[in-house]
Amino acid sequence: MADLFSIIVLMEHLEKAFIRDSITAEEYTPHCANLIAKYKTTMNFLSDNVQSLEVFMNDYKLTCPAAVNRFKIGVPATYEHAIGSHHNDMGKSAKYIAESVLHFITLMDTLRLNRYAVDELHPILADLIQSLNNVPVLPAEFDGRTKNSIDY
């Protein structure tokens, strides 16, 4: 339980340091992702003894709202808010890739439900194409960009 306590306190300090610009996004992102992974692993190990994060924090008189928020969201703020450098913007890429996957899964689920009406598929497909076009790591000549353009 000491490990969980230290992970929570460390995440709180990391979040505050990032908010105050004491560390860069490049320093923050891997440390935050590492702490989130350690938190999830520790919670799995302690599932018999710890009911929830809130109960644990209440029992041990912890007040770490930034850490609680980050653990609930489950990704570093740089991914959540698409923060990073313009040349190698992994946060923005991750956001748009996740968005594209979401739209693709929605489209696949709609097709599996035998819904083939244009008025049902067009908005979903348009969202998918728009999110694919926003992914900065895809080359301009990517088939999904050139063949699937929709004129509005």
N, C-alpha and C. Protein backbone atom coordinates (compact mmCIF):
# COMPACT_ATOMS: atom_id res chain seq x y z
N MET A 1 0.81 -1.19 0.00
CA MET A 1 0.00 0.00 0.00
C MET A 1 0.87 1.26 0.00
N ALA A 2 2.06 1.14 0.50
CA ALA A 2 2.98 2.27 0.47
C ALA A 2 3.32 2.65 -0.97
N ASP A 3 3.41 1.64 -1.84
CA ASP A 3 3.70 1.92 -3.25
C ASP A 3 2.58 2.75 -3.87
N LEU A 4 1.34 2.37 -3.60
CA LEU A 4 0.21 3.11 -4.14
C LEU A 4 0.20 4.55 -3.61
N PHE A 5 0.45 4.70 -2.34
CA PHE A 5 0.51 6.02 -1.72
C PHE A 5 1.56 6.88 -2.43
N SER A 6 2.75 6.33 -2.63
CA SER A 6 3.83 7.10 -3.25
C SER A 6 3.54 7.42 -4.72
N ILE A 7 2.88 6.50 -5.43
CA ILE A 7 2.52 6.76 -6.83
C ILE A 7 1.53 7.91 -6.92
N ILE A 8 0.56 7.95 -6.02
CA ILE A 8 -0.44 9.02 -6.02
C ILE A 8 0.22 10.37 -5.73
N VAL A 9 1.06 10.41 -4.70
CA VAL A 9 1.72 11.66 -4.33
C VAL A 9 2.65 12.13 -5.45
N LEU A 10 3.37 11.20 -6.05
CA LEU A 10 4.29 11.55 -7.13
C LEU A 10 3.52 12.09 -8.34
N MET A 11 2.38 11.48 -8.66
CA MET A 11 1.58 11.97 -9.78
C MET A 11 1.06 13.38 -9.50
N GLU A 12 0.67 13.64 -8.27
CA GLU A 12 0.22 14.99 -7.91
C GLU A 12 1.33 16.01 -8.14
N HIS A 13 2.52 15.68 -7.70
CA HIS A 13 3.66 16.61 -7.89
C HIS A 13 4.01 16.76 -9.37
N LEU A 14 3.94 15.67 -10.12
CA LEU A 14 4.23 15.74 -11.55
C LEU A 14 3.22 16.62 -12.28
N GLU A 15 1.94 16.46 -11.95
CA GLU A 15 0.90 17.29 -12.57
C GLU A 15 1.11 18.77 -12.25
N LYS A 16 1.41 19.06 -10.99
CA LYS A 16 1.63 20.46 -10.60
C LYS A 16 2.87 21.04 -11.29
N ALA A 17 3.92 20.24 -11.41
CA ALA A 17 5.13 20.71 -12.09
C ALA A 17 4.85 21.01 -13.56
N PHE A 18 4.04 20.18 -14.19
CA PHE A 18 3.70 20.39 -15.59
C PHE A 18 2.84 21.64 -15.76
N ILE A 19 1.88 21.81 -14.86
CA ILE A 19 1.00 22.98 -14.93
C ILE A 19 1.80 24.26 -14.75
N ARG A 20 2.80 24.23 -13.90
CA ARG A 20 3.62 25.42 -13.63
C ARG A 20 4.77 25.60 -14.62
N ASP A 21 4.84 24.74 -15.62
CA ASP A 21 5.91 24.77 -16.63
C ASP A 21 7.28 24.54 -16.02
N SER A 22 7.33 23.80 -14.93
CA SER A 22 8.62 23.44 -14.34
C SER A 22 9.30 22.33 -15.13
N ILE A 23 8.51 21.56 -15.88
CA ILE A 23 9.05 20.52 -16.76
C ILE A 23 8.41 20.67 -18.14
N THR A 24 9.09 20.20 -19.16
CA THR A 24 8.59 20.29 -20.53
C THR A 24 7.63 19.15 -20.82
N ALA A 25 6.90 19.27 -21.90
CA ALA A 25 5.98 18.21 -22.32
C ALA A 25 6.74 16.93 -22.64
N GLU A 26 7.96 17.08 -23.18
CA GLU A 26 8.78 15.91 -23.51
C GLU A 26 9.22 15.16 -22.26
N GLU A 27 9.45 15.88 -21.16
CA GLU A 27 9.82 15.24 -19.90
C GLU A 27 8.57 14.67 -19.20
N TYR A 28 7.48 15.41 -19.28
CA TYR A 28 6.26 15.04 -18.57
C TYR A 28 5.63 13.76 -19.11
N THR A 29 5.49 13.66 -20.42
CA THR A 29 4.72 12.59 -21.03
C THR A 29 5.20 11.19 -20.65
N PRO A 30 6.48 10.84 -20.81
CA PRO A 30 6.88 9.47 -20.45
C PRO A 30 6.77 9.18 -18.96
N HIS A 31 7.05 10.17 -18.13
CA HIS A 31 6.94 9.96 -16.68
C HIS A 31 5.49 9.75 -16.28
N CYS A 32 4.60 10.53 -16.86
CA CYS A 32 3.18 10.40 -16.54
C CYS A 32 2.63 9.06 -17.02
N ALA A 33 2.97 8.67 -18.23
CA ALA A 33 2.52 7.38 -18.75
C ALA A 33 3.05 6.23 -17.89
N ASN A 34 4.29 6.35 -17.43
CA ASN A 34 4.89 5.35 -16.56
C ASN A 34 4.13 5.25 -15.24
N LEU A 35 3.81 6.40 -14.65
CA LEU A 35 3.07 6.41 -13.38
C LEU A 35 1.66 5.86 -13.54
N ILE A 36 1.01 6.14 -14.65
CA ILE A 36 -0.33 5.60 -14.90
C ILE A 36 -0.26 4.08 -15.00
N ALA A 37 0.74 3.57 -15.70
CA ALA A 37 0.91 2.12 -15.81
C ALA A 37 1.18 1.49 -14.45
N LYS A 38 2.03 2.13 -13.66
CA LYS A 38 2.33 1.61 -12.32
C LYS A 38 1.10 1.66 -11.43
N TYR A 39 0.31 2.71 -11.56
CA TYR A 39 -0.93 2.83 -10.78
C TYR A 39 -1.88 1.69 -11.11
N LYS A 40 -2.09 1.44 -12.40
CA LYS A 40 -3.00 0.37 -12.81
C LYS A 40 -2.52 -0.99 -12.34
N THR A 41 -1.22 -1.24 -12.46
CA THR A 41 -0.66 -2.51 -12.00
C THR A 41 -0.80 -2.66 -10.49
N THR A 42 -0.49 -1.61 -9.77
CA THR A 42 -0.59 -1.65 -8.31
C THR A 42 -2.03 -1.85 -7.87
N MET A 43 -2.97 -1.19 -8.53
CA MET A 43 -4.39 -1.37 -8.18
C MET A 43 -4.84 -2.80 -8.45
N ASN A 44 -4.31 -3.42 -9.49
CA ASN A 44 -4.64 -4.83 -9.75
C ASN A 44 -4.12 -5.73 -8.64
N PHE A 45 -2.89 -5.47 -8.18
CA PHE A 45 -2.32 -6.27 -7.10
C PHE A 45 -3.07 -6.08 -5.79
N LEU A 46 -3.55 -4.88 -5.56
CA LEU A 46 -4.19 -4.55 -4.28
C LEU A 46 -5.72 -4.61 -4.35
N SER A 47 -6.26 -5.22 -5.38
CA SER A 47 -7.71 -5.22 -5.56
C SER A 47 -8.46 -5.86 -4.38
N ASP A 48 -7.82 -6.78 -3.67
CA ASP A 48 -8.47 -7.40 -2.51
C ASP A 48 -8.51 -6.44 -1.32
N ASN A 49 -7.53 -5.58 -1.20
CA ASN A 49 -7.41 -4.69 -0.03
C ASN A 49 -7.93 -3.28 -0.27
N VAL A 50 -7.96 -2.84 -1.52
CA VAL A 50 -8.34 -1.46 -1.84
C VAL A 50 -9.60 -1.50 -2.70
N GLN A 51 -10.67 -0.90 -2.18
CA GLN A 51 -11.94 -0.90 -2.93
C GLN A 51 -11.89 0.04 -4.12
N SER A 52 -11.39 1.25 -3.89
CA SER A 52 -11.28 2.24 -4.96
C SER A 52 -10.22 3.26 -4.57
N LEU A 53 -9.85 4.07 -5.53
CA LEU A 53 -8.86 5.12 -5.28
C LEU A 53 -9.38 6.11 -4.25
N GLU A 54 -10.64 6.49 -4.37
CA GLU A 54 -11.22 7.47 -3.45
C GLU A 54 -11.25 6.95 -2.02
N VAL A 55 -11.61 5.68 -1.84
CA VAL A 55 -11.65 5.08 -0.51
C VAL A 55 -10.24 5.04 0.08
N PHE A 56 -9.27 4.63 -0.72
CA PHE A 56 -7.87 4.57 -0.27
C PHE A 56 -7.41 5.96 0.17
N MET A 57 -7.68 6.96 -0.64
CA MET A 57 -7.24 8.32 -0.32
C MET A 57 -7.94 8.85 0.93
N ASN A 58 -9.19 8.51 1.09
CA ASN A 58 -9.92 8.93 2.28
C ASN A 58 -9.36 8.24 3.53
N ASP A 59 -9.07 6.95 3.43
CA ASP A 59 -8.52 6.20 4.56
C ASP A 59 -7.17 6.75 5.01
N TYR A 60 -6.35 7.17 4.06
CA TYR A 60 -5.00 7.64 4.38
C TYR A 60 -4.88 9.17 4.34
N LYS A 61 -6.01 9.85 4.34
CA LYS A 61 -6.05 11.32 4.42
C LYS A 61 -5.22 12.00 3.33
N LEU A 62 -5.36 11.48 2.11
CA LEU A 62 -4.64 12.05 0.96
C LEU A 62 -5.56 13.04 0.23
N THR A 63 -5.02 14.17 -0.14
CA THR A 63 -5.74 15.14 -0.96
C THR A 63 -4.89 15.44 -2.18
N CYS A 64 -5.19 14.73 -3.25
CA CYS A 64 -4.42 14.87 -4.49
C CYS A 64 -5.38 14.92 -5.68
N PRO A 65 -6.10 16.01 -5.86
CA PRO A 65 -7.11 16.07 -6.92
C PRO A 65 -6.54 15.95 -8.34
N ALA A 66 -5.37 16.50 -8.57
CA ALA A 66 -4.78 16.41 -9.91
C ALA A 66 -4.41 14.97 -10.25
N ALA A 67 -3.90 14.23 -9.26
CA ALA A 67 -3.56 12.83 -9.48
C ALA A 67 -4.81 11.99 -9.74
N VAL A 68 -5.85 12.23 -8.96
CA VAL A 68 -7.10 11.49 -9.14
C VAL A 68 -7.65 11.72 -10.55
N ASN A 69 -7.64 12.97 -10.97
CA ASN A 69 -8.12 13.30 -12.31
C ASN A 69 -7.30 12.60 -13.38
N ARG A 70 -5.97 12.63 -13.25
CA ARG A 70 -5.11 12.01 -14.26
C ARG A 70 -5.31 10.49 -14.31
N PHE A 71 -5.46 9.85 -13.14
CA PHE A 71 -5.68 8.40 -13.12
C PHE A 71 -7.04 8.04 -13.70
N LYS A 72 -8.05 8.87 -13.48
CA LYS A 72 -9.37 8.61 -14.05
C LYS A 72 -9.35 8.74 -15.56
N ILE A 73 -8.65 9.75 -16.06
CA ILE A 73 -8.56 9.95 -17.51
C ILE A 73 -7.72 8.85 -18.14
N GLY A 74 -6.62 8.50 -17.50
CA GLY A 74 -5.82 7.37 -17.95
C GLY A 74 -4.76 7.65 -18.99
N VAL A 75 -4.60 8.90 -19.39
CA VAL A 75 -3.55 9.27 -20.35
C VAL A 75 -2.92 10.58 -19.91
N PRO A 76 -1.67 10.83 -20.29
CA PRO A 76 -1.02 12.11 -19.95
C PRO A 76 -1.78 13.29 -20.56
N ALA A 77 -1.65 14.44 -19.93
CA ALA A 77 -2.32 15.64 -20.41
C ALA A 77 -1.87 16.03 -21.81
N THR A 78 -0.65 15.68 -22.16
CA THR A 78 -0.16 16.01 -23.51
C THR A 78 -0.94 15.25 -24.57
N TYR A 79 -1.42 14.04 -24.27
CA TYR A 79 -2.26 13.29 -25.20
C TYR A 79 -3.69 13.80 -25.15
N GLU A 80 -4.16 14.07 -23.96
CA GLU A 80 -5.55 14.51 -23.77
C GLU A 80 -5.80 15.83 -24.50
N HIS A 81 -4.86 16.75 -24.42
CA HIS A 81 -5.04 18.08 -24.98
C HIS A 81 -4.23 18.31 -26.25
N ALA A 82 -3.61 17.26 -26.78
CA ALA A 82 -2.81 17.33 -28.01
C ALA A 82 -1.76 18.43 -27.92
N ILE A 83 -0.93 18.34 -26.87
CA ILE A 83 0.14 19.31 -26.66
C ILE A 83 1.45 18.69 -27.11
N GLY A 84 2.28 19.46 -27.76
CA GLY A 84 3.60 18.97 -28.16
C GLY A 84 4.21 19.89 -29.19
N SER A 85 5.37 19.50 -29.68
CA SER A 85 6.04 20.31 -30.70
C SER A 85 5.35 20.12 -32.04
N HIS A 86 5.51 21.07 -32.93
CA HIS A 86 4.86 20.99 -34.23
C HIS A 86 5.55 19.99 -35.15
N HIS A 87 6.81 19.71 -34.93
CA HIS A 87 7.54 18.80 -35.80
C HIS A 87 7.24 17.34 -35.47
N ASN A 88 7.17 17.02 -34.23
CA ASN A 88 6.95 15.63 -33.81
C ASN A 88 5.83 15.61 -32.79
N ASP A 89 4.63 15.88 -33.24
CA ASP A 89 3.50 16.08 -32.35
C ASP A 89 2.79 14.76 -32.07
N MET A 90 3.37 13.98 -31.18
CA MET A 90 2.81 12.67 -30.86
C MET A 90 1.48 12.80 -30.12
N GLY A 91 1.30 13.82 -29.34
CA GLY A 91 0.05 14.02 -28.63
C GLY A 91 -1.10 14.23 -29.58
N LYS A 92 -0.88 15.10 -30.56
CA LYS A 92 -1.92 15.36 -31.55
C LYS A 92 -2.17 14.13 -32.40
N SER A 93 -1.11 13.44 -32.79
CA SER A 93 -1.25 12.22 -33.58
C SER A 93 -2.07 11.18 -32.81
N ALA A 94 -1.74 10.98 -31.55
CA ALA A 94 -2.45 9.99 -30.74
C ALA A 94 -3.92 10.35 -30.61
N LYS A 95 -4.21 11.62 -30.45
CA LYS A 95 -5.60 12.06 -30.31
C LYS A 95 -6.38 11.76 -31.59
N TYR A 96 -5.82 12.14 -32.74
CA TYR A 96 -6.53 11.93 -34.01
C TYR A 96 -6.58 10.45 -34.40
N ILE A 97 -5.57 9.70 -34.05
CA ILE A 97 -5.61 8.25 -34.33
C ILE A 97 -6.70 7.60 -33.49
N ALA A 98 -6.78 7.96 -32.22
CA ALA A 98 -7.82 7.42 -31.35
C ALA A 98 -9.20 7.81 -31.86
N GLU A 99 -9.33 9.04 -32.31
CA GLU A 99 -10.59 9.51 -32.87
C GLU A 99 -10.95 8.73 -34.13
N SER A 100 -9.97 8.45 -34.98
CA SER A 100 -10.21 7.68 -36.20
C SER A 100 -10.64 6.25 -35.87
N VAL A 101 -9.99 5.66 -34.90
CA VAL A 101 -10.36 4.30 -34.48
C VAL A 101 -11.79 4.29 -33.94
N LEU A 102 -12.14 5.29 -33.16
CA LEU A 102 -13.50 5.38 -32.63
C LEU A 102 -14.52 5.43 -33.76
N HIS A 103 -14.28 6.26 -34.76
CA HIS A 103 -15.22 6.37 -35.88
C HIS A 103 -15.24 5.09 -36.72
N PHE A 104 -14.10 4.45 -36.88
CA PHE A 104 -14.06 3.21 -37.63
C PHE A 104 -14.86 2.11 -36.92
N ILE A 105 -14.70 2.00 -35.62
CA ILE A 105 -15.43 0.99 -34.85
C ILE A 105 -16.93 1.28 -34.90
N THR A 106 -17.30 2.54 -34.81
CA THR A 106 -18.72 2.92 -34.91
C THR A 106 -19.27 2.52 -36.26
N LEU A 107 -18.51 2.77 -37.33
CA LEU A 107 -18.95 2.39 -38.67
C LEU A 107 -19.09 0.88 -38.79
N MET A 108 -18.12 0.14 -38.29
CA MET A 108 -18.19 -1.32 -38.34
C MET A 108 -19.38 -1.86 -37.55
N ASP A 109 -19.64 -1.30 -36.38
CA ASP A 109 -20.78 -1.73 -35.58
C ASP A 109 -22.10 -1.44 -36.29
N THR A 110 -22.18 -0.29 -36.94
CA THR A 110 -23.38 0.06 -37.69
C THR A 110 -23.62 -0.93 -38.83
N LEU A 111 -22.55 -1.30 -39.53
CA LEU A 111 -22.68 -2.26 -40.62
C LEU A 111 -23.04 -3.65 -40.10
N ARG A 112 -22.49 -4.03 -38.96
CA ARG A 112 -22.82 -5.34 -38.38
C ARG A 112 -24.28 -5.43 -37.93
N LEU A 113 -24.87 -4.28 -37.64
CA LEU A 113 -26.28 -4.25 -37.26
C LEU A 113 -27.20 -4.18 -38.49
N ASN A 114 -26.60 -4.43 -39.66
CA ASN A 114 -27.31 -4.44 -40.95
C ASN A 114 -28.02 -3.12 -41.22
N ARG A 115 -27.36 -2.04 -40.89
CA ARG A 115 -27.90 -0.72 -41.17
C ARG A 115 -27.11 -0.16 -42.35
N TYR A 116 -27.76 -0.17 -43.50
CA TYR A 116 -27.07 0.22 -44.73
C TYR A 116 -27.65 1.50 -45.34
N ALA A 117 -28.53 2.17 -44.65
CA ALA A 117 -29.14 3.39 -45.19
C ALA A 117 -28.08 4.50 -45.27
N VAL A 118 -28.14 5.22 -46.37
CA VAL A 118 -27.16 6.28 -46.61
C VAL A 118 -27.23 7.34 -45.51
N ASP A 119 -28.42 7.68 -45.07
CA ASP A 119 -28.55 8.72 -44.06
C ASP A 119 -27.99 8.28 -42.71
N GLU A 120 -27.82 6.98 -42.49
CA GLU A 120 -27.19 6.49 -41.27
C GLU A 120 -25.67 6.37 -41.43
N LEU A 121 -25.24 5.95 -42.60
CA LEU A 121 -23.81 5.71 -42.82
C LEU A 121 -23.02 6.97 -43.17
N HIS A 122 -23.63 7.88 -43.90
CA HIS A 122 -22.90 9.06 -44.38
C HIS A 122 -22.29 9.89 -43.25
N PRO A 123 -23.02 10.23 -42.19
CA PRO A 123 -22.40 11.03 -41.12
C PRO A 123 -21.23 10.30 -40.44
N ILE A 124 -21.37 9.01 -40.25
CA ILE A 124 -20.31 8.23 -39.60
C ILE A 124 -19.09 8.17 -40.51
N LEU A 125 -19.31 7.90 -41.79
CA LEU A 125 -18.22 7.83 -42.74
C LEU A 125 -17.55 9.19 -42.92
N ALA A 126 -18.34 10.25 -42.92
CA ALA A 126 -17.77 11.60 -43.03
C ALA A 126 -16.89 11.91 -41.82
N ASP A 127 -17.33 11.52 -40.63
CA ASP A 127 -16.51 11.73 -39.43
C ASP A 127 -15.21 10.94 -39.50
N LEU A 128 -15.30 9.70 -40.00
CA LEU A 128 -14.10 8.87 -40.14
C LEU A 128 -13.11 9.50 -41.11
N ILE A 129 -13.59 9.93 -42.24
CA ILE A 129 -12.70 10.54 -43.24
C ILE A 129 -12.09 11.84 -42.72
N GLN A 130 -12.90 12.63 -42.04
CA GLN A 130 -12.39 13.88 -41.48
C GLN A 130 -11.31 13.62 -40.44
N SER A 131 -11.53 12.62 -39.59
CA SER A 131 -10.53 12.32 -38.56
C SER A 131 -9.28 11.71 -39.19
N LEU A 132 -9.42 10.91 -40.25
CA LEU A 132 -8.24 10.39 -40.95
C LEU A 132 -7.43 11.53 -41.58
N ASN A 133 -8.12 12.50 -42.12
CA ASN A 133 -7.43 13.64 -42.74
C ASN A 133 -6.70 14.49 -41.71
N ASN A 134 -7.10 14.40 -40.45
CA ASN A 134 -6.45 15.17 -39.39
C ASN A 134 -5.20 14.50 -38.84
N VAL A 135 -5.01 13.21 -39.13
CA VAL A 135 -3.85 12.49 -38.61
C VAL A 135 -2.60 13.00 -39.32
N PRO A 136 -1.71 13.67 -38.59
CA PRO A 136 -0.56 14.30 -39.25
C PRO A 136 0.51 13.32 -39.72
N VAL A 137 0.54 12.10 -39.20
CA VAL A 137 1.60 11.17 -39.60
C VAL A 137 1.27 10.41 -40.87
N LEU A 138 0.04 10.54 -41.39
CA LEU A 138 -0.31 9.88 -42.65
C LEU A 138 0.22 10.70 -43.81
N PRO A 139 0.82 10.04 -44.79
CA PRO A 139 1.33 10.80 -45.94
C PRO A 139 0.17 11.36 -46.77
N ALA A 140 0.43 12.41 -47.51
CA ALA A 140 -0.60 13.06 -48.32
C ALA A 140 -1.17 12.13 -49.37
N GLU A 141 -0.37 11.18 -49.85
CA GLU A 141 -0.83 10.27 -50.90
C GLU A 141 -1.49 9.00 -50.33
N PHE A 142 -1.77 8.97 -49.05
CA PHE A 142 -2.43 7.84 -48.41
C PHE A 142 -3.78 7.59 -49.08
N ASP A 143 -4.08 6.32 -49.41
CA ASP A 143 -5.31 5.98 -50.14
C ASP A 143 -6.56 6.47 -49.43
N GLY A 144 -6.57 6.42 -48.12
CA GLY A 144 -7.74 6.87 -47.37
C GLY A 144 -8.01 8.35 -47.53
N ARG A 145 -6.99 9.11 -47.87
CA ARG A 145 -7.18 10.56 -48.09
C ARG A 145 -7.58 10.86 -49.53
N THR A 146 -6.98 10.15 -50.48
CA THR A 146 -7.22 10.50 -51.88
C THR A 146 -8.49 9.88 -52.44
N LYS A 147 -8.76 8.61 -52.13
CA LYS A 147 -9.90 7.92 -52.72
C LYS A 147 -11.22 8.18 -52.00
N ASN A 148 -11.14 8.56 -50.75
CA ASN A 148 -12.35 8.66 -49.94
C ASN A 148 -12.76 10.08 -49.63
N SER A 149 -12.41 11.01 -50.47
CA SER A 149 -12.80 12.39 -50.18
C SER A 149 -14.30 12.55 -50.50
N ILE A 150 -14.99 13.25 -49.60
CA ILE A 150 -16.42 13.47 -49.75
C ILE A 150 -16.63 14.95 -49.96
N ASP A 151 -17.38 15.29 -51.00
CA ASP A 151 -17.72 16.68 -51.26
C ASP A 151 -19.01 17.01 -50.53
N TYR A 152 -18.98 18.09 -49.77
CA TYR A 152 -20.17 18.47 -48.99
C TYR A 152 -20.96 19.50 -49.74
